[in-house]
Amino acid sequence: MKPLLLCLALLSTALPAAAAAAAPAPEAGFHDRMVQQAFDHYRLPGIAVGVIEDGEVVHVATRGELAAGEGQPVGADSLFKIASNTKAMTAAVLARLVQAGRLRWDDPVTRYLPSFRMYDPWVTRNMQVRDLLIHNSGLGLGAGDLMLWPEPNHFSRQDIIAGLAHLKPVGSFRSDYAYDNLLYVVAGEVAAVAGGKSYSELVRQEIFVPLGMERCQVGEWSPAAVGDIAQPHYRQDGRNVVGGRDGARETDFPSMAAGGVRCSVNDMLRWMQALLDPAQAPDWLDATQRRALWTAHMPMPISQRLRDWDNTHFLAYGYGWRLSDMDGQWKVAHTGTLSGMYSSLALLPDRRSGVVILINGEGEAARTALMQALLKHQTAPAAGHDVLHYAALLERETAQRRSAGHVRPELEPVHAADARELAAYTGIWADPWFGRITLCPADGGITFAAEKSPALRGQVMLSGRRPWVQWQELGEDAEAWLQLAGNGAQRRLHLRAIDPDIDFSYDYQDLEFERIGACP
């Protein structure tokens, strides 16, 4: 292990022991009051929260509806998308396979997936199974995520693995942290080869069944048969509106290993108890593999918020987990964001305590403020801050970003472009990893349409003389400028985000389209 990583690993285990004094018992109704504050202040459609202290579930709270306005209440067994909290489960599946001798953490990825390729052949040869989990590949933030989202799309796992060879790195292998999702898809496929079963079968076999997570769903399943499922929401004119409602059948979509699991708050509490207390699942993971999951493998930059709020001194990524210190205590955590749902899970291992939050709406600020209030009650109870305190701090941060220019620019008076105005842009274009798009006349204007991503379809507009795409199914926060560069055979088409705070999964900057033909 490198000296810096060794120091971080030691720090991650040494810090809590010096600061694990028992927190005072919360005043009556504290947890419930915090949940209610978050639910009311952020006008959430639904929320489910679970709290563990000293290994025992001390509070479960639910509010709201599975689908706004339809009258079905959220309960402790209601299913939510846990999104990127799935990554810890993927890592645990691999840990179980390592424990069983089916693979090693330092095995080359190509041992299991001979077709695996990164842009740099040296990285291809040296990429180990462990590297798939710790965001050290050299790829940029969210590189290639347009093969995963928006959903649904027509990219397969094979497409994703093949696409990696065309994604240019922005940093050196194992030198810098940059969060990615694609390599977790690869990790799921490595697990499937080593385990001799599909990823979804392995998750059920290695996690759900032995830990009694009876309501959790992965792979292909029937929402009608399972029932009690929270639907994702987005905000429109101040209201919560269902978006992306479940169909008759959920498919085993390619990004399953990166963020596809659904669980209830009761299921997540069982998962947390098994992680916090080996005695809860004595034959599940041995001490060596538990330590591997929560070792600091990749240093991460520490934000000013973490320094100010938590007095954080170290931050690193383990296998599917973020590791840090919070008020001198060891914290293991992750968040998840996907299609109108937000999750957050945090553990204080030396207290055998933790919190999980599941929200079926636009809940980024809500999960942050609520998690902070609930954890601080254990790590710094004298502070006495509630959800509204942290909400105010977040709102101040947002105001500061806006004053610094981090706002979507006001576009000049716009109109739909026609083929005469944008003759140089029209045609069939192709990117080596994303595939083909068309920019062709339709309905009196020009339509952008991605062959493998149906949601990326929209009308080309002009703001002054500058073209941009107004998506049919996505919000204005996902809209993009169209830009041409080069001349003749070297001409390329690029997309660039209009909103400076666009979700990083819209990795338009990684696209470079070459014109391959005229419109039909």
Protein backbone atom coordinates (compact mmCIF):
# COMPACT_ATOMS: atom_id res chain seq x y z
CA MET A 1 0.00 0.00 0.00
CA LYS A 2 1.27 3.51 -0.78
CA PRO A 3 2.41 5.49 2.30
CA LEU A 4 -0.31 8.14 1.94
CA LEU A 5 -3.06 5.54 1.60
CA LEU A 6 -1.64 3.65 4.58
CA CYS A 7 -1.73 6.81 6.68
CA LEU A 8 -5.31 7.49 5.67
CA ALA A 9 -6.30 3.91 6.43
CA LEU A 10 -4.74 4.11 9.87
CA LEU A 11 -6.35 7.47 10.51
CA SER A 12 -9.74 6.09 9.52
CA THR A 13 -9.50 3.49 12.27
CA ALA A 14 -7.64 5.55 14.86
CA LEU A 15 -9.75 8.69 14.95
CA PRO A 16 -13.02 7.26 16.27
CA ALA A 17 -11.48 5.44 19.20
CA ALA A 18 -10.39 8.75 20.66
CA ALA A 19 -13.81 10.33 20.36
CA ALA A 20 -16.46 7.69 20.79
CA ALA A 21 -18.07 9.00 23.95
CA ALA A 22 -21.71 8.02 24.09
CA ALA A 23 -24.15 10.62 22.85
CA PRO A 24 -26.94 11.60 25.22
CA ALA A 25 -30.32 10.10 24.51
CA PRO A 26 -32.36 12.37 22.24
CA GLU A 27 -35.20 14.28 23.78
CA ALA A 28 -38.58 12.72 23.23
CA GLY A 29 -39.68 13.08 19.63
CA PHE A 30 -36.37 14.52 18.39
CA HIS A 31 -36.03 12.23 15.38
CA ASP A 32 -39.67 12.64 14.43
CA ARG A 33 -39.43 16.41 14.71
CA MET A 34 -36.39 16.52 12.42
CA VAL A 35 -38.11 14.36 9.80
CA GLN A 36 -41.20 16.55 9.94
CA GLN A 37 -39.10 19.70 9.52
CA ALA A 38 -37.46 18.28 6.40
CA PHE A 39 -40.74 17.02 4.96
CA ASP A 40 -42.49 20.36 5.49
CA HIS A 41 -39.67 22.74 4.61
CA TYR A 42 -38.81 21.01 1.34
CA ARG A 43 -42.41 20.04 0.48
CA LEU A 44 -41.40 16.47 -0.30
CA PRO A 45 -43.80 13.99 -1.92
CA GLY A 46 -42.62 11.20 0.40
CA ILE A 47 -39.81 10.21 2.74
CA ALA A 48 -38.72 7.21 4.82
CA VAL A 49 -36.05 7.48 7.54
CA GLY A 50 -34.43 4.93 9.80
CA VAL A 51 -32.09 5.49 12.77
CA ILE A 52 -29.84 2.95 14.50
CA GLU A 53 -28.09 3.60 17.81
CA ASP A 54 -25.74 1.11 19.47
CA GLY A 55 -26.80 -1.56 16.99
CA GLU A 56 -30.54 -1.22 17.62
CA VAL A 57 -33.22 0.42 15.48
CA VAL A 58 -34.49 3.29 17.61
CA HIS A 59 -36.65 5.16 15.12
CA VAL A 60 -38.44 4.63 11.81
CA ALA A 61 -40.42 7.50 10.32
CA THR A 62 -42.39 7.80 7.09
CA ARG A 63 -44.28 10.71 5.58
CA GLY A 64 -46.15 11.49 2.40
CA GLU A 65 -47.33 9.41 -0.52
CA LEU A 66 -45.97 6.87 -2.97
CA ALA A 67 -47.33 9.08 -5.75
CA ALA A 68 -48.39 12.65 -5.01
CA GLY A 69 -52.16 13.13 -4.84
CA GLU A 70 -53.03 9.44 -5.13
CA GLY A 71 -53.54 8.73 -1.43
CA GLN A 72 -51.24 5.73 -0.94
CA PRO A 73 -49.00 6.46 2.07
CA VAL A 74 -45.29 5.75 2.26
CA GLY A 75 -44.60 2.95 4.73
CA ALA A 76 -41.56 1.26 6.22
CA ASP A 77 -41.76 -1.48 3.57
CA SER A 78 -42.27 0.87 0.59
CA LEU A 79 -39.60 0.45 -2.08
CA PHE A 80 -37.39 3.37 -3.11
CA LYS A 81 -34.57 3.61 -5.63
CA ILE A 82 -31.40 3.70 -3.57
CA ALA A 83 -29.40 4.78 -6.65
CA SER A 84 -25.64 4.95 -5.96
CA ASN A 85 -26.02 3.35 -2.55
CA THR A 86 -26.13 0.25 -4.77
CA LYS A 87 -22.36 0.64 -5.22
CA ALA A 88 -21.68 -0.59 -1.69
CA MET A 89 -23.73 -3.70 -2.44
CA THR A 90 -21.76 -4.32 -5.63
CA ALA A 91 -18.55 -4.04 -3.62
CA ALA A 92 -19.95 -6.44 -1.02
CA VAL A 93 -20.77 -9.01 -3.71
CA LEU A 94 -17.16 -8.84 -4.90
CA ALA A 95 -15.93 -9.12 -1.30
CA ARG A 96 -18.00 -12.29 -0.86
CA LEU A 97 -16.44 -13.72 -4.04
CA VAL A 98 -12.95 -12.82 -2.80
CA GLN A 99 -13.75 -14.49 0.51
CA ALA A 100 -14.88 -17.62 -1.38
CA GLY A 101 -11.65 -17.66 -3.43
CA ARG A 102 -13.43 -16.95 -6.72
CA LEU A 103 -11.33 -13.85 -7.45
CA ARG A 104 -8.70 -11.54 -5.94
CA TRP A 105 -8.85 -7.76 -5.51
CA ASP A 106 -5.60 -7.37 -7.44
CA ASP A 107 -6.61 -9.59 -10.36
CA PRO A 108 -6.43 -7.83 -13.74
CA VAL A 109 -9.88 -7.01 -15.11
CA THR A 110 -8.95 -8.64 -18.44
CA ARG A 111 -8.68 -12.01 -16.67
CA TYR A 112 -12.48 -11.98 -16.44
CA LEU A 113 -13.35 -9.70 -19.37
CA PRO A 114 -10.82 -10.24 -22.18
CA SER A 115 -12.55 -7.61 -24.35
CA PHE A 116 -12.14 -4.87 -21.69
CA ARG A 117 -10.24 -1.87 -23.04
CA MET A 118 -9.39 1.58 -21.73
CA TYR A 119 -8.15 4.40 -23.97
CA ASP A 120 -4.55 3.78 -22.86
CA PRO A 121 -3.33 0.18 -23.46
CA TRP A 122 -1.08 0.39 -20.37
CA VAL A 123 -4.10 1.21 -18.19
CA THR A 124 -5.98 -1.68 -19.79
CA ARG A 125 -3.23 -4.12 -18.80
CA ASN A 126 -2.88 -2.76 -15.28
CA MET A 127 -6.50 -2.10 -14.29
CA GLN A 128 -7.27 -4.38 -11.35
CA VAL A 129 -10.64 -5.42 -9.93
CA ARG A 130 -10.10 -3.06 -6.98
CA ASP A 131 -9.56 -0.12 -9.35
CA LEU A 132 -13.09 -0.51 -10.71
CA LEU A 133 -14.51 0.57 -7.34
CA ILE A 134 -12.46 3.60 -6.25
CA HIS A 135 -12.77 6.24 -9.01
CA ASN A 136 -9.06 6.44 -9.85
CA SER A 137 -9.19 5.56 -13.55
CA GLY A 138 -8.10 8.94 -14.93
CA LEU A 139 -11.47 9.43 -16.61
CA GLY A 140 -13.28 12.71 -16.06
CA LEU A 141 -16.21 13.18 -13.68
CA GLY A 142 -19.13 11.09 -14.93
CA ALA A 143 -17.39 10.18 -18.17
CA GLY A 144 -19.64 8.19 -20.48
CA ASP A 145 -22.72 8.52 -18.28
CA LEU A 146 -24.81 9.38 -21.34
CA MET A 147 -24.69 5.63 -22.05
CA LEU A 148 -26.55 5.11 -18.76
CA TRP A 149 -28.90 8.07 -18.43
CA PRO A 150 -31.40 9.46 -19.22
CA GLU A 151 -33.43 6.28 -19.11
CA PRO A 152 -34.68 4.30 -20.87
CA ASN A 153 -32.10 3.91 -23.59
CA HIS A 154 -30.78 1.22 -25.92
CA PHE A 155 -27.21 0.86 -24.68
CA SER A 156 -26.20 -2.63 -23.53
CA ARG A 157 -23.52 -3.61 -21.04
CA GLN A 158 -21.43 -4.70 -24.02
CA ASP A 159 -21.84 -1.22 -25.56
CA ILE A 160 -20.68 0.37 -22.30
CA ILE A 161 -17.60 -1.82 -22.02
CA ALA A 162 -16.73 -1.19 -25.68
CA GLY A 163 -17.28 2.55 -25.26
CA LEU A 164 -14.65 2.83 -22.52
CA ALA A 165 -11.90 2.41 -25.12
CA HIS A 166 -12.94 5.72 -26.71
CA LEU A 167 -13.22 7.86 -23.57
CA LYS A 168 -10.12 10.00 -23.31
CA PRO A 169 -8.64 10.36 -19.81
CA VAL A 170 -8.30 13.79 -18.21
CA GLY A 171 -5.83 12.66 -15.55
CA SER A 172 -3.32 9.96 -14.73
CA PHE A 173 -4.33 6.47 -13.70
CA ARG A 174 -4.42 6.10 -9.88
CA SER A 175 -3.40 9.73 -9.36
CA ASP A 176 -6.66 11.66 -9.08
CA TYR A 177 -10.17 11.03 -7.80
CA ALA A 178 -13.07 11.54 -10.22
CA TYR A 179 -16.42 9.87 -9.59
CA ASP A 180 -17.58 7.48 -12.31
CA ASN A 181 -20.38 5.01 -12.90
CA LEU A 182 -19.23 3.03 -15.92
CA LEU A 183 -16.56 1.06 -14.09
CA TYR A 184 -19.16 -0.16 -11.60
CA VAL A 185 -21.01 -1.62 -14.59
CA VAL A 186 -17.74 -3.38 -15.45
CA ALA A 187 -17.42 -4.52 -11.81
CA GLY A 188 -20.87 -6.09 -12.02
CA GLU A 189 -19.82 -8.03 -15.12
CA VAL A 190 -16.57 -9.16 -13.45
CA ALA A 191 -18.67 -10.46 -10.55
CA ALA A 192 -20.96 -12.31 -12.96
CA VAL A 193 -18.04 -14.07 -14.65
CA ALA A 194 -16.27 -14.93 -11.41
CA GLY A 195 -19.50 -15.99 -9.68
CA GLY A 196 -20.94 -17.91 -12.61
CA LYS A 197 -24.29 -16.12 -12.36
CA SER A 198 -25.77 -12.81 -13.45
CA TYR A 199 -25.11 -9.75 -11.32
CA SER A 200 -28.73 -9.61 -10.17
CA GLU A 201 -28.69 -13.29 -9.14
CA LEU A 202 -25.50 -12.71 -7.18
CA VAL A 203 -26.94 -9.72 -5.31
CA ARG A 204 -29.91 -11.78 -4.24
CA GLN A 205 -27.75 -14.77 -3.30
CA GLU A 206 -24.92 -12.92 -1.53
CA ILE A 207 -26.80 -10.04 0.12
CA PHE A 208 -30.59 -10.07 0.10
CA VAL A 209 -31.13 -13.70 1.18
CA PRO A 210 -28.43 -14.05 3.87
CA LEU A 211 -29.27 -10.64 5.39
CA GLY A 212 -33.06 -11.02 5.23
CA MET A 213 -33.62 -8.03 2.94
CA GLU A 214 -36.88 -9.50 1.74
CA ARG A 215 -38.41 -6.54 -0.10
CA CYS A 216 -35.33 -5.45 -2.08
CA GLN A 217 -35.48 -5.79 -5.86
CA VAL A 218 -32.75 -6.06 -8.50
CA GLY A 219 -32.67 -7.17 -12.13
CA GLU A 220 -35.98 -8.01 -13.79
CA TRP A 221 -39.14 -7.94 -11.68
CA SER A 222 -42.83 -7.05 -11.72
CA PRO A 223 -43.89 -3.84 -9.90
CA ALA A 224 -47.51 -5.01 -9.95
CA ALA A 225 -46.63 -8.24 -8.20
CA VAL A 226 -44.34 -6.57 -5.65
CA GLY A 227 -46.49 -3.50 -4.90
CA ASP A 228 -45.99 -0.64 -2.42
CA ILE A 229 -43.47 1.24 -4.60
CA ALA A 230 -42.58 4.92 -4.31
CA GLN A 231 -42.65 6.70 -7.65
CA PRO A 232 -40.09 9.38 -8.62
CA HIS A 233 -41.19 13.03 -8.76
CA TYR A 234 -39.99 16.32 -10.17
CA ARG A 235 -41.07 19.85 -9.28
CA GLN A 236 -43.29 21.71 -11.71
CA ASP A 237 -44.85 25.08 -10.88
CA GLY A 238 -44.28 24.41 -7.19
CA ARG A 239 -45.96 20.98 -7.26
CA ASN A 240 -44.61 17.43 -7.03
CA VAL A 241 -45.35 15.63 -10.29
CA VAL A 242 -44.78 11.92 -10.94
CA GLY A 243 -42.18 11.37 -13.64
CA GLY A 244 -40.91 8.07 -15.00
CA ARG A 245 -43.66 5.94 -13.46
CA ASP A 246 -42.98 2.20 -13.30
CA GLY A 247 -44.31 0.09 -16.14
CA ALA A 248 -45.62 -3.45 -16.13
CA ARG A 249 -42.13 -4.92 -15.99
CA GLU A 250 -38.81 -3.60 -14.71
CA THR A 251 -35.87 -4.74 -16.82
CA ASP A 252 -32.32 -5.68 -15.87
CA PHE A 253 -30.96 -2.42 -17.26
CA PRO A 254 -27.20 -1.99 -17.86
CA SER A 255 -26.47 0.41 -14.97
CA MET A 256 -27.87 -1.98 -12.36
CA ALA A 257 -24.51 -2.45 -10.58
CA ALA A 258 -23.92 1.30 -10.42
CA GLY A 259 -27.34 2.35 -9.12
CA GLY A 260 -30.22 -0.01 -9.89
CA VAL A 261 -31.29 -1.60 -6.58
CA ARG A 262 -34.57 -0.75 -4.84
CA CYS A 263 -35.13 -1.34 -1.14
CA SER A 264 -37.37 -0.27 1.71
CA VAL A 265 -36.20 1.55 4.81
CA ASN A 266 -36.68 -1.69 6.78
CA ASP A 267 -34.41 -3.50 4.32
CA MET A 268 -31.77 -0.79 4.55
CA LEU A 269 -31.81 -0.98 8.33
CA ARG A 270 -31.06 -4.71 8.12
CA TRP A 271 -28.20 -3.95 5.72
CA MET A 272 -26.82 -1.33 8.11
CA GLN A 273 -27.05 -3.59 11.16
CA ALA A 274 -25.12 -6.34 9.36
CA LEU A 275 -22.41 -3.83 8.46
CA LEU A 276 -22.21 -2.27 11.92
CA ASP A 277 -22.28 -5.48 13.95
CA PRO A 278 -20.64 -8.67 12.61
CA ALA A 279 -22.57 -10.64 15.21
CA GLN A 280 -25.78 -9.82 13.32
CA ALA A 281 -24.47 -11.86 10.35
CA PRO A 282 -21.55 -13.92 11.69
CA ASP A 283 -20.95 -16.04 8.59
CA TRP A 284 -21.52 -13.31 6.01
CA LEU A 285 -18.23 -11.37 5.74
CA ASP A 286 -15.02 -12.09 7.61
CA ALA A 287 -12.92 -9.40 9.27
CA THR A 288 -10.46 -9.20 6.36
CA GLN A 289 -13.13 -8.37 3.79
CA ARG A 290 -14.99 -6.00 6.12
CA ARG A 291 -11.73 -4.14 6.58
CA ALA A 292 -11.13 -4.05 2.81
CA LEU A 293 -14.51 -2.38 2.19
CA TRP A 294 -13.81 0.40 4.70
CA THR A 295 -10.10 1.00 4.05
CA ALA A 296 -9.17 4.37 2.55
CA HIS A 297 -8.08 3.34 -0.97
CA MET A 298 -8.31 6.67 -2.82
CA PRO A 299 -7.87 10.14 -1.25
CA MET A 300 -10.61 12.66 -2.08
CA PRO A 301 -10.59 16.47 -1.95
CA ILE A 302 -12.26 17.92 1.14
CA SER A 303 -14.91 20.56 0.46
CA GLN A 304 -15.14 23.76 2.44
CA ARG A 305 -18.56 22.65 3.66
CA LEU A 306 -17.11 19.51 5.23
CA ARG A 307 -14.37 21.54 6.88
CA ASP A 308 -16.86 24.06 8.24
CA TRP A 309 -19.69 21.72 9.22
CA ASP A 310 -17.86 18.56 10.35
CA ASN A 311 -14.30 19.69 11.13
CA THR A 312 -13.22 17.08 8.57
CA HIS A 313 -9.52 16.28 8.28
CA PHE A 314 -9.53 13.30 5.93
CA LEU A 315 -11.80 12.06 3.15
CA ALA A 316 -11.25 9.01 0.99
CA TYR A 317 -13.09 6.40 -1.05
CA GLY A 318 -13.23 2.77 0.06
CA TYR A 319 -14.90 0.00 -1.88
CA GLY A 320 -18.29 1.59 -2.57
CA TRP A 321 -18.12 3.93 0.45
CA ARG A 322 -16.91 7.42 1.32
CA LEU A 323 -14.82 7.48 4.49
CA SER A 324 -14.21 10.57 6.61
CA ASP A 325 -14.00 11.96 10.11
CA MET A 326 -16.89 13.94 11.56
CA ASP A 327 -16.22 15.86 14.76
CA GLY A 328 -13.36 13.47 15.48
CA GLN A 329 -15.43 10.35 14.85
CA TRP A 330 -15.23 7.81 12.04
CA LYS A 331 -17.96 8.17 9.41
CA VAL A 332 -18.77 5.79 6.54
CA ALA A 333 -21.35 7.09 4.09
CA HIS A 334 -22.74 7.41 0.59
CA THR A 335 -25.53 9.16 -1.26
CA GLY A 336 -27.65 8.21 -4.25
CA THR A 337 -29.41 10.28 -6.91
CA LEU A 338 -31.43 8.82 -9.75
CA SER A 339 -34.49 9.79 -11.76
CA GLY A 340 -36.34 11.88 -9.19
CA MET A 341 -35.22 9.93 -6.12
CA TYR A 342 -32.60 10.69 -3.49
CA SER A 343 -31.02 8.48 -0.84
CA SER A 344 -28.44 8.99 1.88
CA LEU A 345 -26.86 6.49 4.24
CA ALA A 346 -24.31 7.27 6.95
CA LEU A 347 -22.73 5.04 9.59
CA LEU A 348 -20.74 5.88 12.73
CA PRO A 349 -19.11 2.45 13.14
CA ASP A 350 -17.55 2.98 16.55
CA ARG A 351 -20.98 3.90 17.91
CA ARG A 352 -22.65 1.09 15.96
CA SER A 353 -25.01 3.82 14.84
CA GLY A 354 -26.34 5.12 11.55
CA VAL A 355 -29.06 6.89 9.59
CA VAL A 356 -30.72 6.13 6.26
CA ILE A 357 -32.92 8.55 4.31
CA LEU A 358 -35.03 7.67 1.24
CA ILE A 359 -36.89 10.38 -0.71
CA ASN A 360 -39.07 10.04 -3.82
CA GLY A 361 -38.67 13.60 -5.08
CA GLU A 362 -36.18 16.38 -5.63
CA GLY A 363 -34.51 16.00 -2.27
CA GLU A 364 -30.82 16.84 -2.50
CA ALA A 365 -30.95 19.69 0.01
CA ALA A 366 -33.49 17.84 2.18
CA ARG A 367 -31.29 14.76 2.59
CA THR A 368 -28.24 16.92 3.35
CA ALA A 369 -29.93 19.05 6.01
CA LEU A 370 -31.77 16.13 7.64
CA MET A 371 -28.75 13.82 7.70
CA GLN A 372 -26.63 16.55 9.22
CA ALA A 373 -29.13 17.28 11.98
CA LEU A 374 -29.55 13.60 12.87
CA LEU A 375 -25.83 12.79 12.89
CA LYS A 376 -24.81 15.94 14.74
CA HIS A 377 -27.09 14.94 17.57
CA GLN A 378 -24.61 12.10 18.16
CA THR A 379 -21.27 13.63 17.18
CA ALA A 380 -21.76 17.19 18.55
CA PRO A 381 -24.97 17.26 20.61
CA ALA A 382 -24.08 20.55 22.29
CA ALA A 383 -24.49 22.34 18.95
CA GLY A 384 -28.23 21.64 19.05
CA HIS A 385 -28.83 22.54 15.41
CA ASP A 386 -31.98 21.39 13.63
CA VAL A 387 -32.88 20.85 9.97
CA LEU A 388 -33.87 24.48 9.46
CA HIS A 389 -30.41 25.63 10.57
CA TYR A 390 -28.70 23.53 7.90
CA ALA A 391 -31.34 24.43 5.33
CA ALA A 392 -30.49 28.11 5.88
CA LEU A 393 -26.77 27.39 5.41
CA LEU A 394 -27.49 25.56 2.14
CA GLU A 395 -29.65 28.42 0.92
CA ARG A 396 -26.84 30.83 1.71
CA GLU A 397 -24.42 28.68 -0.33
CA THR A 398 -26.83 28.73 -3.27
CA ALA A 399 -27.16 32.51 -3.07
CA GLN A 400 -23.38 32.88 -3.02
CA ARG A 401 -23.00 30.65 -6.08
CA ARG A 402 -25.59 32.68 -7.93
CA SER A 403 -23.92 35.95 -7.05
CA ALA A 404 -20.67 34.46 -8.38
CA GLY A 405 -22.31 33.73 -11.74
CA HIS A 406 -23.28 30.07 -11.27
CA VAL A 407 -26.69 30.49 -12.85
CA ARG A 408 -28.20 29.40 -16.11
CA PRO A 409 -27.75 32.38 -18.44
CA GLU A 410 -30.78 34.21 -19.75
CA LEU A 411 -31.02 33.38 -23.44
CA GLU A 412 -31.63 36.08 -26.00
CA PRO A 413 -35.04 36.07 -27.72
CA VAL A 414 -35.24 32.64 -29.28
CA HIS A 415 -36.86 31.09 -32.29
CA ALA A 416 -36.84 27.63 -33.88
CA ALA A 417 -34.00 27.22 -36.37
CA ASP A 418 -34.65 26.06 -39.91
CA ALA A 419 -32.45 24.19 -42.37
CA ARG A 420 -31.39 27.35 -44.22
CA GLU A 421 -30.06 28.98 -41.07
CA LEU A 422 -28.13 25.91 -39.94
CA ALA A 423 -27.20 24.13 -43.15
CA ALA A 424 -23.70 23.39 -41.83
CA TYR A 425 -25.16 21.55 -38.84
CA THR A 426 -27.66 19.28 -40.57
CA GLY A 427 -26.85 15.68 -41.35
CA ILE A 428 -26.06 12.38 -39.71
CA TRP A 429 -23.27 12.52 -37.14
CA ALA A 430 -21.49 9.81 -35.13
CA ASP A 431 -19.47 9.68 -31.94
CA PRO A 432 -17.28 6.58 -31.34
CA TRP A 433 -18.82 5.72 -27.95
CA PHE A 434 -22.24 7.38 -28.02
CA GLY A 435 -23.20 6.37 -31.56
CA ARG A 436 -25.25 8.20 -34.17
CA ILE A 437 -27.41 11.27 -33.96
CA THR A 438 -29.39 13.07 -36.63
CA LEU A 439 -29.86 16.82 -37.08
CA CYS A 440 -32.49 16.89 -39.75
CA PRO A 441 -35.50 18.98 -40.85
CA ALA A 442 -38.80 18.00 -39.24
CA ASP A 443 -42.05 19.81 -38.48
CA GLY A 444 -40.82 23.11 -39.90
CA GLY A 445 -37.59 23.10 -37.88
CA ILE A 446 -34.56 20.95 -37.10
CA THR A 447 -34.76 17.98 -34.74
CA PHE A 448 -31.86 16.54 -32.76
CA ALA A 449 -32.36 12.79 -32.23
CA ALA A 450 -29.96 10.28 -30.63
CA GLU A 451 -30.26 6.78 -32.05
CA LYS A 452 -29.59 4.91 -28.78
CA SER A 453 -30.96 7.46 -26.29
CA PRO A 454 -34.58 8.34 -27.16
CA ALA A 455 -34.89 10.91 -24.36
CA LEU A 456 -32.19 13.00 -26.03
CA ARG A 457 -34.55 14.30 -28.66
CA GLY A 458 -35.43 17.94 -29.10
CA GLN A 459 -35.82 20.96 -31.31
CA VAL A 460 -32.88 23.11 -32.31
CA MET A 461 -33.42 26.71 -31.28
CA LEU A 462 -31.47 29.90 -31.90
CA SER A 463 -30.53 32.41 -29.21
CA GLY A 464 -29.34 35.25 -31.38
CA ARG A 465 -27.19 33.31 -33.83
CA ARG A 466 -26.19 30.59 -31.37
CA PRO A 467 -27.93 27.19 -31.71
CA TRP A 468 -29.05 25.08 -28.76
CA VAL A 469 -31.28 22.05 -28.16
CA GLN A 470 -34.57 22.27 -26.30
CA TRP A 471 -35.25 18.68 -25.19
CA GLN A 472 -38.77 17.31 -25.42
CA GLU A 473 -38.65 15.20 -22.25
CA LEU A 474 -35.88 16.76 -20.16
CA GLY A 475 -35.85 20.00 -18.20
CA GLU A 476 -34.07 23.20 -19.11
CA ASP A 477 -31.25 22.32 -16.71
CA ALA A 478 -30.16 19.63 -19.23
CA GLU A 479 -30.19 21.81 -22.34
CA ALA A 480 -27.06 22.16 -24.47
CA TRP A 481 -25.41 24.49 -26.94
CA LEU A 482 -24.42 23.11 -30.36
CA GLN A 483 -20.94 24.07 -31.56
CA LEU A 484 -19.00 23.37 -34.74
CA ALA A 485 -15.21 23.23 -34.83
CA GLY A 486 -12.75 22.66 -37.65
CA ASN A 487 -13.26 22.65 -41.40
CA GLY A 488 -13.85 20.14 -44.16
CA ALA A 489 -13.07 16.55 -43.18
CA GLN A 490 -11.89 17.79 -39.77
CA ARG A 491 -15.21 19.41 -38.90
CA ARG A 492 -16.63 18.19 -35.61
CA LEU A 493 -19.88 18.82 -33.72
CA HIS A 494 -19.82 19.36 -29.96
CA LEU A 495 -22.43 19.82 -27.23
CA ARG A 496 -21.80 22.13 -24.29
CA ALA A 497 -23.97 22.56 -21.19
CA ILE A 498 -25.91 25.82 -20.91
CA ASP A 499 -26.41 25.55 -17.13
CA PRO A 500 -23.05 25.71 -15.29
CA ASP A 501 -24.49 23.52 -12.53
CA ILE A 502 -25.77 20.79 -14.84
CA ASP A 503 -25.77 17.27 -13.39
CA PHE A 504 -22.38 15.73 -14.16
CA SER A 505 -23.98 12.70 -15.81
CA TYR A 506 -24.77 14.89 -18.81
CA ASP A 507 -21.16 14.52 -19.93
CA TYR A 508 -21.59 16.50 -23.15
CA GLN A 509 -17.93 17.49 -23.01
CA ASP A 510 -16.89 13.91 -23.85
CA LEU A 511 -18.80 13.88 -27.15
CA GLU A 512 -17.13 14.60 -30.48
CA PHE A 513 -19.35 13.95 -33.50
CA GLU A 514 -18.07 13.46 -37.03
CA ARG A 515 -20.46 14.01 -39.94
CA ILE A 516 -21.00 10.70 -41.75
CA GLY A 517 -23.87 11.50 -44.09
CA ALA A 518 -26.66 13.76 -45.26
CA CYS A 519 -30.21 13.75 -43.96
CA PRO A 520 -32.46 11.22 -45.73
